[in-house]
C-alpha atoms as a PDB file:
ATOM      1  CA  MET A   1      -0.080  -0.142   0.013  1.00  0.00           C
ATOM      2  CA  ILE A   2       0.921   3.659  -0.381  1.00  0.00           C
ATOM      3  CA  VAL A   3       1.741   5.041   2.771  1.00  0.00           C
ATOM      4  CA  ASP A   4       2.695   8.410   0.865  1.00  0.00           C
ATOM      5  CA  SER A   5       3.810  10.230  -2.300  1.00  0.00           C
ATOM      6  CA  ALA A   6       4.200  13.841  -3.380  1.00  0.00           C
ATOM      7  CA  LEU A   7       6.370  15.875  -5.428  1.00  0.00           C
ATOM      8  CA  TYR A   8       9.189  18.344  -4.504  1.00  0.00           C
ATOM      9  CA  GLN A   9      10.625  20.838  -6.351  1.00  0.00           C
ATOM     10  CA  ASN A  10      13.017  23.655  -5.207  1.00  0.00           C
ATOM     11  CA  GLY A  11      12.939  22.035  -1.187  1.00  0.00           C
ATOM     12  CA  ILE A  12       8.713  22.405  -1.103  1.00  0.00           C
ATOM     13  CA  ARG A  13       6.281  19.830  -1.250  1.00  0.00           C
ATOM     14  CA  VAL A  14       4.333  21.543  -4.776  1.00  0.00           C
ATOM     15  CA  LYS A  15       1.878  17.988  -5.316  1.00  0.00           C
ATOM     16  CA  ASP A  16       0.629  15.224  -3.264  1.00  0.00           C
ATOM     17  CA  SER A  17      -1.802  13.512  -5.460  1.00  0.00           C
ATOM     18  CA  GLY A  18      -1.586  12.575  -9.069  1.00  0.00           C
ATOM     19  CA  ASP A  19      -0.192   9.753 -10.900  1.00  0.00           C
ATOM     20  CA  ILE A  20       3.107   9.133  -9.968  1.00  0.00           C
ATOM     21  CA  SER A  21       4.449   8.286 -13.323  1.00  0.00           C
ATOM     22  CA  ASP A  22       3.437  11.733 -14.304  1.00  0.00           C
ATOM     23  CA  PHE A  23       5.151  13.565 -10.952  1.00  0.00           C
ATOM     24  CA  VAL A  24       8.569  11.897 -12.178  1.00  0.00           C
ATOM     25  CA  ASP A  25       7.847  13.455 -16.238  1.00  0.00           C
ATOM     26  CA  GLU A  26       7.221  16.347 -14.797  1.00  0.00           C
ATOM     27  CA  ALA A  27      10.391  16.375 -12.362  1.00  0.00           C
ATOM     28  CA  ARG A  28      12.860  15.317 -14.928  1.00  0.00           C
ATOM     29  CA  LYS A  29      11.048  18.330 -17.262  1.00  0.00           C
ATOM     30  CA  ASP A  30      11.126  21.075 -14.675  1.00  0.00           C
ATOM     31  CA  GLY A  31      13.449  20.022 -12.119  1.00  0.00           C
ATOM     32  CA  GLY A  32      12.614  18.268  -8.475  1.00  0.00           C
ATOM     33  CA  PHE A  33      11.941  14.581  -7.265  1.00  0.00           C
ATOM     34  CA  VAL A  34       9.401  12.193  -6.077  1.00  0.00           C
ATOM     35  CA  TRP A  35       9.289  10.630  -2.917  1.00  0.00           C
ATOM     36  CA  VAL A  36       7.084   7.527  -2.616  1.00  0.00           C
ATOM     37  CA  GLY A  37       6.619   5.247   0.427  1.00  0.00           C
ATOM     38  CA  LEU A  38       5.508   2.135   0.453  1.00  0.00           C
ATOM     39  CA  SER A  39       5.016  -0.764   3.013  1.00  0.00           C
ATOM     40  CA  SER A  40       4.529  -4.497   2.193  1.00  0.00           C
ATOM     41  CA  PRO A  41       3.367  -3.964  -1.024  1.00  0.00           C
ATOM     42  CA  THR A  42       2.242  -7.323  -3.037  1.00  0.00           C
ATOM     43  CA  GLN A  43       3.704  -7.574  -6.705  1.00  0.00           C
ATOM     44  CA  GLU A  44       0.882  -6.372  -7.768  1.00  0.00           C
ATOM     45  CA  GLU A  45       0.586  -3.307  -5.772  1.00  0.00           C
ATOM     46  CA  PHE A  46       4.176  -2.700  -6.724  1.00  0.00           C
ATOM     47  CA  ASP A  47       4.020  -3.168 -10.584  1.00  0.00           C
ATOM     48  CA  HIS A  48       0.915  -0.539 -10.321  1.00  0.00           C
ATOM     49  CA  VAL A  49       3.060   1.894  -8.317  1.00  0.00           C
ATOM     50  CA  VAL A  50       6.099   2.012  -9.885  1.00  0.00           C
ATOM     51  CA  GLY A  51       5.582  -0.088 -13.293  1.00  0.00           C
ATOM     52  CA  GLU A  52       6.207   2.908 -15.428  1.00  0.00           C
ATOM     53  CA  LEU A  53       9.271   3.053 -13.598  1.00  0.00           C
ATOM     54  CA  ASN A  54      11.367   0.518 -15.223  1.00  0.00           C
ATOM     55  CA  PHE A  55      12.738  -0.661 -12.054  1.00  0.00           C
ATOM     56  CA  HIS A  56      15.296  -3.826 -13.148  1.00  0.00           C
ATOM     57  CA  PRO A  57      13.639  -7.189 -12.274  1.00  0.00           C
ATOM     58  CA  LEU A  58      16.259  -8.566  -9.668  1.00  0.00           C
ATOM     59  CA  ALA A  59      15.427  -5.134  -7.575  1.00  0.00           C
ATOM     60  CA  VAL A  60      11.817  -5.915  -7.793  1.00  0.00           C
ATOM     61  CA  GLU A  61      12.298  -9.146  -6.721  1.00  0.00           C
ATOM     62  CA  ASP A  62      14.176  -8.155  -3.544  1.00  0.00           C
ATOM     63  CA  ALA A  63      11.557  -5.318  -3.023  1.00  0.00           C
ATOM     64  CA  VAL A  64       8.471  -7.642  -2.688  1.00  0.00           C
ATOM     65  CA  SER A  65      10.140 -10.817  -1.067  1.00  0.00           C
ATOM     66  CA  ALA A  66      12.238  -8.885   1.203  1.00  0.00           C
ATOM     67  CA  GLN A  67      14.914 -11.120   3.360  1.00  0.00           C
ATOM     68  CA  GLN A  68      17.598  -8.977   2.218  1.00  0.00           C
ATOM     69  CA  ARG A  69      20.414  -8.154   3.494  1.00  0.00           C
ATOM     70  CA  PRO A  70      21.663  -4.311   4.248  1.00  0.00           C
ATOM     71  CA  LYS A  71      23.717  -3.551   0.970  1.00  0.00           C
ATOM     72  CA  ILE A  72      24.398  -1.416  -2.035  1.00  0.00           C
ATOM     73  CA  GLU A  73      23.606  -1.881  -5.772  1.00  0.00           C
ATOM     74  CA  GLU A  74      23.778   0.065  -9.120  1.00  0.00           C
ATOM     75  CA  TYR A  75      21.501  -0.763 -11.731  1.00  0.00           C
ATOM     76  CA  GLY A  76      21.703   1.530 -14.466  1.00  0.00           C
ATOM     77  CA  GLY A  77      21.747   4.943 -12.669  1.00  0.00           C
ATOM     78  CA  LEU A  78      19.129   3.723 -10.568  1.00  0.00           C
ATOM     79  CA  THR A  79      20.375   3.101  -6.794  1.00  0.00           C
ATOM     80  CA  PHE A  80      18.797   0.431  -4.620  1.00  0.00           C
ATOM     81  CA  PHE A  81      20.094   0.579  -1.203  1.00  0.00           C
ATOM     82  CA  VAL A  82      18.865  -1.773   1.676  1.00  0.00           C
ATOM     83  CA  LEU A  83      19.006  -1.294   5.410  1.00  0.00           C
ATOM     84  CA  LYS A  84      17.735  -3.487   8.410  1.00  0.00           C
ATOM     85  CA  THR A  85      15.133  -1.576  10.701  1.00  0.00           C
ATOM     86  CA  VAL A  86      15.497  -3.028  14.415  1.00  0.00           C
ATOM     87  CA  PHE A  87      12.710  -3.129  17.476  1.00  0.00           C
ATOM     88  CA  TYR A  88      13.746  -4.240  20.815  1.00  0.00           C
ATOM     89  CA  ASN A  89      10.704  -5.380  22.670  1.00  0.00           C
ATOM     90  CA  GLU A  90      12.558  -5.159  26.321  1.00  0.00           C
ATOM     91  CA  SER A  91       9.670  -7.012  28.471  1.00  0.00           C
ATOM     92  CA  ARG A  92      10.641  -9.936  26.615  1.00  0.00           C
ATOM     93  CA  SER A  93      14.289  -9.089  26.215  1.00  0.00           C
ATOM     94  CA  GLU A  94      13.561 -10.123  22.090  1.00  0.00           C
ATOM     95  CA  ILE A  95      14.894  -8.187  19.125  1.00  0.00           C
ATOM     96  CA  THR A  96      12.754  -8.153  16.124  1.00  0.00           C
ATOM     97  CA  THR A  97      13.806  -6.522  12.128  1.00  0.00           C
ATOM     98  CA  GLY A  98      12.497  -5.241   9.215  1.00  0.00           C
ATOM     99  CA  GLU A  99      13.508  -3.701   6.221  1.00  0.00           C
ATOM    100  CA  LEU A 100      14.014  -0.619   4.432  1.00  0.00           C
ATOM    101  CA  MET A 101      14.128  -0.045   0.766  1.00  0.00           C
ATOM    102  CA  CYS A 102      15.464   2.428  -1.127  1.00  0.00           C
ATOM    103  CA  PHE A 103      15.069   3.204  -4.770  1.00  0.00           C
ATOM    104  CA  VAL A 104      17.099   5.892  -6.150  1.00  0.00           C
ATOM    105  CA  ASP A 105      17.087   8.083  -8.449  1.00  0.00           C
ATOM    106  CA  PRO A 106      17.760  11.351  -9.572  1.00  0.00           C
ATOM    107  CA  HIS A 107      14.556  12.748  -9.931  1.00  0.00           C
ATOM    108  CA  PHE A 108      12.800  10.299  -7.443  1.00  0.00           C
ATOM    109  CA  ILE A 109      13.279   8.156  -4.370  1.00  0.00           C
ATOM    110  CA  VAL A 110      11.033   4.916  -3.685  1.00  0.00           C
ATOM    111  CA  ILE A 111      10.953   3.710  -0.175  1.00  0.00           C
ATOM    112  CA  VAL A 112       9.650   0.175   0.523  1.00  0.00           C
ATOM    113  CA  ARG A 113       9.169  -0.620   3.877  1.00  0.00           C
ATOM    114  CA  HIS A 114       8.657  -4.627   5.232  1.00  0.00           C
ATOM    115  CA  GLY A 115       8.193  -5.901   9.435  1.00  0.00           C
ATOM    116  CA  GLU A 116       8.854  -3.250  12.582  1.00  0.00           C
ATOM    117  CA  GLY A 117      10.556  -0.524  12.970  1.00  0.00           C
ATOM    118  CA  SER A 118      10.486   3.381  13.253  1.00  0.00           C
ATOM    119  CA  PRO A 119       8.017   4.878  11.261  1.00  0.00           C
ATOM    120  CA  LEU A 120       9.097   7.254   8.349  1.00  0.00           C
ATOM    121  CA  ALA A 121       6.066   9.948   8.417  1.00  0.00           C
ATOM    122  CA  SER A 122       8.160  11.936  11.388  1.00  0.00           C
ATOM    123  CA  VAL A 123      10.955  11.544   8.976  1.00  0.00           C
ATOM    124  CA  ARG A 124       9.154  12.957   6.040  1.00  0.00           C
ATOM    125  CA  HIS A 125       7.801  16.021   8.611  1.00  0.00           C
ATOM    126  CA  GLU A 126      11.321  17.083   9.669  1.00  0.00           C
ATOM    127  CA  ILE A 127      12.874  17.172   6.540  1.00  0.00           C
ATOM    128  CA  GLU A 128       9.918  18.932   4.752  1.00  0.00           C
ATOM    129  CA  ALA A 129      10.636  22.019   7.292  1.00  0.00           C
ATOM    130  CA  ARG A 130      14.258  22.168   5.990  1.00  0.00           C
ATOM    131  CA  PRO A 131      13.751  23.170   2.309  1.00  0.00           C
ATOM    132  CA  ASP A 132      17.083  23.869   1.715  1.00  0.00           C
ATOM    133  CA  PHE A 133      18.358  20.450   2.790  1.00  0.00           C
ATOM    134  CA  LEU A 134      15.371  19.126   0.447  1.00  0.00           C
ATOM    135  CA  THR A 135      17.555  20.907  -2.437  1.00  0.00           C
ATOM    136  CA  GLN A 136      19.765  18.062  -2.564  1.00  0.00           C
ATOM    137  CA  GLY A 137      17.308  15.872  -3.810  1.00  0.00           C
ATOM    138  CA  PRO A 138      16.512  12.244  -3.478  1.00  0.00           C
ATOM    139  CA  PHE A 139      20.026  11.603  -1.110  1.00  0.00           C
ATOM    140  CA  ALA A 140      18.944  14.034   0.754  1.00  0.00           C
ATOM    141  CA  VAL A 141      15.774  11.792   1.825  1.00  0.00           C
ATOM    142  CA  LEU A 142      17.925   8.986   1.882  1.00  0.00           C
ATOM    143  CA  HIS A 143      20.237  10.672   4.387  1.00  0.00           C
ATOM    144  CA  ALA A 144      17.557  11.188   6.706  1.00  0.00           C
ATOM    145  CA  VAL A 145      15.843   7.457   6.747  1.00  0.00           C
ATOM    146  CA  VAL A 146      19.431   6.505   7.049  1.00  0.00           C
ATOM    147  CA  ASP A 147      20.128   8.706  10.313  1.00  0.00           C
ATOM    148  CA  ARG A 148      16.897   8.175  11.928  1.00  0.00           C
ATOM    149  CA  VAL A 149      17.201   4.212  11.993  1.00  0.00           C
ATOM    150  CA  ILE A 150      21.084   4.626  13.083  1.00  0.00           C
ATOM    151  CA  ASP A 151      19.604   6.884  16.014  1.00  0.00           C
ATOM    152  CA  GLY A 152      17.270   3.777  16.746  1.00  0.00           C
ATOM    153  CA  TYR A 153      20.220   1.376  16.702  1.00  0.00           C
ATOM    154  CA  THR A 154      22.005   3.866  19.060  1.00  0.00           C
ATOM    155  CA  THR A 155      18.969   3.923  21.847  1.00  0.00           C
ATOM    156  CA  ILE A 156      18.462   0.317  21.269  1.00  0.00           C
ATOM    157  CA  ALA A 157      21.879  -0.429  22.145  1.00  0.00           C
ATOM    158  CA  THR A 158      21.414   1.706  24.794  1.00  0.00           C
ATOM    159  CA  GLU A 159      18.134  -0.865  26.354  1.00  0.00           C
ATOM    160  CA  LEU A 160      19.993  -3.857  25.648  1.00  0.00           C
ATOM    161  CA  GLU A 161      23.695  -2.335  27.316  1.00  0.00           C
ATOM    162  CA  ASN A 162      20.840  -1.954  30.615  1.00  0.00           C
ATOM    163  CA  ASP A 163      19.990  -5.310  30.241  1.00  0.00           C
ATOM    164  CA  VAL A 164      23.886  -6.806  30.300  1.00  0.00           C
ATOM    165  CA  ILE A 165      24.582  -4.669  33.142  1.00  0.00           C
ATOM    166  CA  GLN A 166      22.112  -6.270  34.845  1.00  0.00           C
ATOM    167  CA  LEU A 167      22.685  -9.933  34.462  1.00  0.00           C
ATOM    168  CA  GLU A 168      26.286  -8.983  35.113  1.00  0.00           C
ATOM    169  CA  ASN A 169      25.140  -8.077  38.198  1.00  0.00           C
ATOM    170  CA  LYS A 170      23.050 -11.201  38.913  1.00  0.00           C
ATOM    171  CA  VAL A 171      26.111 -13.572  37.772  1.00  0.00           C
ATOM    172  CA  PHE A 172      28.738 -12.026  40.430  1.00  0.00           C
ATOM    173  CA  GLY A 173      25.840 -11.169  43.156  1.00  0.00           C
ATOM    174  CA  GLY A 174      27.390 -14.076  45.322  1.00  0.00           C
ATOM    175  CA  THR A 175      24.084 -15.927  44.816  1.00  0.00           C
ATOM    176  CA  ARG A 176      23.815 -19.513  44.377  1.00  0.00           C
ATOM    177  CA  GLN A 177      21.634 -19.349  41.210  1.00  0.00           C
ATOM    178  CA  THR A 178      23.010 -19.963  37.949  1.00  0.00           C
ATOM    179  CA  PHE A 179      21.762 -17.579  34.959  1.00  0.00           C
ATOM    180  CA  SER A 180      23.481 -19.294  31.939  1.00  0.00           C
ATOM    181  CA  GLN A 181      19.938 -19.335  30.080  1.00  0.00           C
ATOM    182  CA  GLU A 182      19.680 -16.217  30.949  1.00  0.00           C
ATOM    183  CA  ILE A 183      23.034 -14.970  28.945  1.00  0.00           C
ATOM    184  CA  TYR A 184      22.389 -17.322  26.436  1.00  0.00           C
ATOM    185  CA  PHE A 185      19.454 -15.605  25.591  1.00  0.00           C
ATOM    186  CA  LEU A 186      20.537 -12.118  25.411  1.00  0.00           C
ATOM    187  CA  LYS A 187      23.531 -12.948  23.553  1.00  0.00           C
ATOM    188  CA  ARG A 188      21.463 -14.678  20.798  1.00  0.00           C
ATOM    189  CA  GLU A 189      19.589 -11.397  20.775  1.00  0.00           C
ATOM    190  CA  ILE A 190      22.545  -9.440  20.661  1.00  0.00           C
ATOM    191  CA  ILE A 191      24.058 -11.269  17.475  1.00  0.00           C
ATOM    192  CA  GLU A 192      21.022 -10.649  15.951  1.00  0.00           C
ATOM    193  CA  TYR A 193      21.196  -7.093  16.571  1.00  0.00           C
ATOM    194  CA  ARG A 194      25.064  -7.448  15.357  1.00  0.00           C
ATOM    195  CA  HIS A 195      23.925  -9.056  11.974  1.00  0.00           C
ATOM    196  CA  ALA A 196      21.441  -6.137  11.317  1.00  0.00           C
ATOM    197  CA  ILE A 197      23.547  -3.438  11.605  1.00  0.00           C
ATOM    198  CA  GLU A 198      27.533  -4.536  11.103  1.00  0.00           C
ATOM    199  CA  PRO A 199      26.610  -5.206   7.413  1.00  0.00           C
ATOM    200  CA  LEU A 200      25.566  -1.758   6.768  1.00  0.00           C
ATOM    201  CA  VAL A 201      28.732  -0.493   7.298  1.00  0.00           C
ATOM    202  CA  ILE A 202      30.256  -1.018   4.102  1.00  0.00           C
ATOM    203  CA  PRO A 203      27.295   0.218   2.126  1.00  0.00           C
ATOM    204  CA  LEU A 204      27.605   3.335   3.633  1.00  0.00           C
ATOM    205  CA  GLN A 205      31.699   3.888   3.116  1.00  0.00           C
ATOM    206  CA  LYS A 206      30.730   3.149  -0.462  1.00  0.00           C
ATOM    207  CA  LEU A 207      28.274   5.928  -0.498  1.00  0.00           C
ATOM    208  CA  VAL A 208      30.640   8.660   1.068  1.00  0.00           C
ATOM    209  CA  SER A 209      33.523   7.568  -0.812  1.00  0.00           C
ATOM    210  CA  GLU A 210      34.882  10.434  -3.201  1.00  0.00           C
ATOM    211  CA  THR A 211      34.827   7.946  -5.715  1.00  0.00           C
ATOM    212  CA  TYR A 212      31.182   7.420  -5.771  1.00  0.00           C
ATOM    213  CA  GLN A 213      29.235  10.131  -7.830  1.00  0.00           C
ATOM    214  CA  PRO A 214      25.807   9.673  -7.537  1.00  0.00           C
ATOM    215  CA  THR A 215      26.224  11.171  -4.193  1.00  0.00           C
ATOM    216  CA  PRO A 216      25.866  14.789  -3.844  1.00  0.00           C
ATOM    217  CA  HIS A 217      29.069  16.497  -3.114  1.00  0.00           C
ATOM    218  CA  LEU A 218      27.291  18.277  -0.408  1.00  0.00           C
ATOM    219  CA  LEU A 219      25.748  15.775   1.118  1.00  0.00           C
ATOM    220  CA  LYS A 220      28.594  13.262   1.673  1.00  0.00           C
ATOM    221  CA  PRO A 221      30.146  15.245   4.933  1.00  0.00           C
ATOM    222  CA  PHE A 222      26.605  14.041   6.823  1.00  0.00           C
ATOM    223  CA  PHE A 223      26.542  10.590   5.564  1.00  0.00           C
ATOM    224  CA  ARG A 224      30.153  10.126   7.319  1.00  0.00           C
ATOM    225  CA  ASP A 225      28.643  11.743  10.551  1.00  0.00           C
ATOM    226  CA  THR A 226      26.051   8.927   9.819  1.00  0.00           C
ATOM    227  CA  LEU A 227      28.881   6.496   9.262  1.00  0.00           C
ATOM    228  CA  ASP A 228      30.469   7.369  12.565  1.00  0.00           C
ATOM    229  CA  HIS A 229      27.412   6.870  14.451  1.00  0.00           C
ATOM    230  CA  LEU A 230      27.122   3.252  12.848  1.00  0.00           C
ATOM    231  CA  GLN A 231      30.397   2.377  13.581  1.00  0.00           C
ATOM    232  CA  ARG A 232      30.375   3.572  17.132  1.00  0.00           C
ATOM    233  CA  ALA A 233      26.689   1.836  17.512  1.00  0.00           C
ATOM    234  CA  CYS A 234      29.365  -1.703  16.064  1.00  0.00           C
ATOM    235  CA  GLU A 235      31.420  -1.069  18.243  1.00  0.00           C
ATOM    236  CA  HIS A 236      29.289  -0.955  21.307  1.00  0.00           C
ATOM    237  CA  ALA A 237      27.314  -3.916  19.883  1.00  0.00           C
ATOM    238  CA  SER A 238      30.663  -6.066  19.975  1.00  0.00           C
ATOM    239  CA  GLY A 239      31.569  -4.592  23.686  1.00  0.00           C
ATOM    240  CA  MET A 240      28.559  -6.062  24.991  1.00  0.00           C
ATOM    241  CA  ASP A 241      29.089  -9.677  22.608  1.00  0.00           C
ATOM    242  CA  SER A 242      32.410  -9.928  24.587  1.00  0.00           C
ATOM    243  CA  LEU A 243      31.092  -8.691  27.851  1.00  0.00           C
ATOM    244  CA  LEU A 244      28.845 -11.716  27.772  1.00  0.00           C
ATOM    245  CA  SER A 245      30.615 -14.405  26.945  1.00  0.00           C
ATOM    246  CA  SER A 246      32.668 -13.351  30.065  1.00  0.00           C
ATOM    247  CA  ALA A 247      29.924 -13.453  31.961  1.00  0.00           C
ATOM    248  CA  LEU A 248      28.881 -16.961  30.525  1.00  0.00           C
ATOM    249  CA  GLN A 249      32.203 -18.116  31.698  1.00  0.00           C
ATOM    250  CA  ALA A 250      32.087 -16.729  34.887  1.00  0.00           C
ATOM    251  CA  ASP A 251      28.533 -18.286  35.719  1.00  0.00           C
ATOM    252  CA  LEU A 252      30.389 -21.908  34.862  1.00  0.00           C
ATOM    253  CA  ALA A 253      32.836 -21.061  36.746  1.00  0.00           C
ATOM    254  CA  HIS A 254      31.041 -20.207  39.467  1.00  0.00           C
ATOM    255  CA  ILE A 255      29.215 -22.985  39.305  1.00  0.00           C
ATOM    256  CA  GLN A 256      32.255 -25.467  39.145  1.00  0.00           C
ATOM    257  CA  VAL A 257      33.699 -23.667  42.190  1.00  0.00           C
ATOM    258  CA  ARG A 258      30.194 -24.294  43.882  1.00  0.00           C
ATOM    259  CA  GLN A 259      30.038 -28.180  43.121  1.00  0.00           C
ATOM    260  CA  ASN A 260      34.073 -27.889  44.745  1.00  0.00           C
ATOM    261  CA  GLU A 261      32.511 -26.729  47.497  1.00  0.00           C
ATOM    262  CA  ASP A 262      29.900 -29.057  47.768  1.00  0.00           C
ATOM    263  CA  VAL A 263      32.448 -32.351  47.208  1.00  0.00           C
ATOM    264  CA  ARG A 264      34.700 -30.643  49.629  1.00  0.00           C
ATOM    265  CA  ARG A 265      32.025 -29.993  52.485  1.00  0.00           C
ATOM    266  CA  ILE A 266      30.763 -34.059  51.411  1.00  0.00           C
ATOM    267  CA  SER A 267      34.225 -35.167  51.768  1.00  0.00           C
ATOM    268  CA  ALA A 268      34.743 -33.460  55.018  1.00  0.00           C
ATOM    269  CA  TRP A 269      31.793 -34.854  56.847  1.00  0.00           C
ATOM    270  CA  VAL A 270      32.587 -38.436  55.719  1.00  0.00           C
ATOM    271  CA  ALA A 271      35.934 -38.308  56.936  1.00  0.00           C
ATOM    272  CA  LEU A 272      34.605 -37.137  60.490  1.00  0.00           C
ATOM    273  CA  ALA A 273      32.040 -40.228  60.297  1.00  0.00           C
ATOM    274  CA  ALA A 274      35.253 -42.657  59.134  1.00  0.00           C
ATOM    275  CA  GLY A 275      37.109 -42.458  62.186  1.00  0.00           C
ATOM    276  CA  PRO A 276      34.228 -43.248  64.906  1.00  0.00           C
ATOM    277  CA  THR A 277      33.165 -45.934  62.623  1.00  0.00           C
ATOM    278  CA  MET A 278      36.591 -47.612  61.787  1.00  0.00           C
ATOM    279  CA  ILE A 279      37.428 -47.804  65.789  1.00  0.00           C
ATOM    280  CA  ALA A 280      33.855 -49.106  66.599  1.00  0.00           C
ATOM    281  CA  GLY A 281      34.184 -51.440  63.357  1.00  0.00           C
ATOM    282  CA  ILE A 282      37.705 -53.127  65.087  1.00  0.00           C
ATOM    283  CA  TYR A 283      36.197 -53.372  68.903  1.00  0.00           C
ATOM    284  CA  GLY A 284      32.947 -54.565  67.168  1.00  0.00           C
ATOM    285  CA  MET A 285      34.288 -58.040  66.097  1.00  0.00           C
ATOM    286  CA  ASN A 286      33.480 -60.997  68.165  1.00  0.00           C
ATOM    287  CA  PHE A 287      37.044 -62.025  68.785  1.00  0.00           C
ATOM    288  CA  ASP A 288      37.818 -63.631  72.465  1.00  0.00           C
ATOM    289  CA  PHE A 289      41.340 -62.177  72.654  1.00  0.00           C
ATOM    290  CA  MET A 290      41.859 -58.457  72.230  1.00  0.00           C
ATOM    291  CA  PRO A 291      44.133 -55.732  73.546  1.00  0.00           C
ATOM    292  CA  GLU A 292      41.672 -54.023  76.778  1.00  0.00           C
ATOM    293  CA  LEU A 293      38.878 -55.933  75.932  1.00  0.00           C
ATOM    294  CA  ARG A 294      38.455 -56.781  79.419  1.00  0.00           C
ATOM    295  CA  TRP A 295      39.761 -53.148  80.795  1.00  0.00           C
ATOM    296  CA  LYS A 296      37.022 -51.735  82.916  1.00  0.00           C
ATOM    297  CA  PHE A 297      38.380 -48.342  81.129  1.00  0.00           C
ATOM    298  CA  SER A 298      38.336 -49.170  78.381  1.00  0.00           C
ATOM    299  CA  TYR A 299      34.707 -48.331  77.427  1.00  0.00           C
ATOM    300  CA  PRO A 300      35.195 -44.383  78.416  1.00  0.00           C
ATOM    301  CA  LEU A 301      38.442 -44.537  77.173  1.00  0.00           C
ATOM    302  CA  LEU A 302      37.287 -45.401  73.756  1.00  0.00           C
ATOM    303  CA  LEU A 303      34.460 -42.455  74.095  1.00  0.00           C
ATOM    304  CA  VAL A 304      36.978 -40.157  74.759  1.00  0.00           C
ATOM    305  CA  GLY A 305      39.294 -40.982  72.124  1.00  0.00           C
ATOM    306  CA  ILE A 306      36.113 -41.022  69.598  1.00  0.00           C
ATOM    307  CA  THR A 307      35.149 -37.480  70.930  1.00  0.00           C
ATOM    308  CA  SER A 308      38.836 -35.943  70.747  1.00  0.00           C
ATOM    309  CA  LEU A 309      39.585 -37.279  67.328  1.00  0.00           C
ATOM    310  CA  SER A 310      35.989 -35.852  65.862  1.00  0.00           C
ATOM    311  CA  ALA A 311      36.764 -32.571  67.570  1.00  0.00           C
ATOM    312  CA  PHE A 312      39.978 -32.265  65.946  1.00  0.00           C
ATOM    313  CA  LEU A 313      39.185 -33.425  62.397  1.00  0.00           C
ATOM    314  CA  PHE A 314      36.304 -31.329  62.523  1.00  0.00           C
ATOM    315  CA  TYR A 315      38.499 -28.268  63.826  1.00  0.00           C
ATOM    316  CA  LYS A 316      41.169 -28.573  61.400  1.00  0.00           C
ATOM    317  CA  PHE A 317      38.155 -29.269  58.430  1.00  0.00           C
ATOM    318  CA  ARG A 318      36.738 -25.575  59.605  1.00  0.00           C
ATOM    319  CA  LYS A 319      39.669 -24.403  59.823  1.00  0.00           C
ATOM    320  CA  SER A 320      40.369 -25.129  55.760  1.00  0.00           C
ATOM    321  CA  GLU A 321      37.244 -24.104  55.447  1.00  0.00           C
ATOM    322  CA  TRP A 322      35.793 -27.282  54.502  1.00  0.00           C
ATOM    323  CA  LEU A 323      32.395 -27.058  56.932  1.00  0.00           C
END
């Protein structure tokens, strides 16, 4: 479905109802460009809207089917730019992604959106308030869209970082619980987040390259600033991924330490029971001739010996922190 479409001349919106192909012809004749926004179109809807713009069949297939990695391609003067939108459900600690596919020509830009992500209506309203910026053409719109999406990356990175810090505090909180499952699930979401944002670095680097002619020279500094924000977001995500890996190792180490403590405690109690058991076992044998068997002080002396041995062992284990 068409979300919005309009013809812009001299940075001002002049027409917003009519045939898109007529808008493009007018833009090519009198200057300006057309901005069309689509949301999850079917093949028939896409052909109806932009069928007369003669998109490359591969680009059309990508726009309808989605499931593309961030990339930039050129089809006979048409720039095809793909980036991922990212949405974070904090209550479930779950990352979901969508896609924005931008077809950029000197006289039009068609943006196809799939899935969840930041709505672009606010981007259109904000950039329409800057006609001096819109005079740079469709690539000015592309920059505004990319900049808004990357700002969303930064916001999500902050939310993910808060979850990582909370989980890290749990791991080192001194409890006997294990948090391996929580760490694994959060690490999986961060990996999905990285897969969405990191491939965008190369397409943006191409846009800011001095050898890439379609990008207006005045817009290259703006794209470089956006690229810098993206790289910081990527470094942030990489750091969180490494931190979670360390937290997972620490959690597993805590489990092993607690198991060792349990084994030592069990071994100490077994040792405490072994001394009296051995002595009682020896003097419980039914032999007629045993040392001190008929002595009247044998029984109390044996009890004193067992108690002393047990007390000594208990003291040594307690001092070694085995008990």
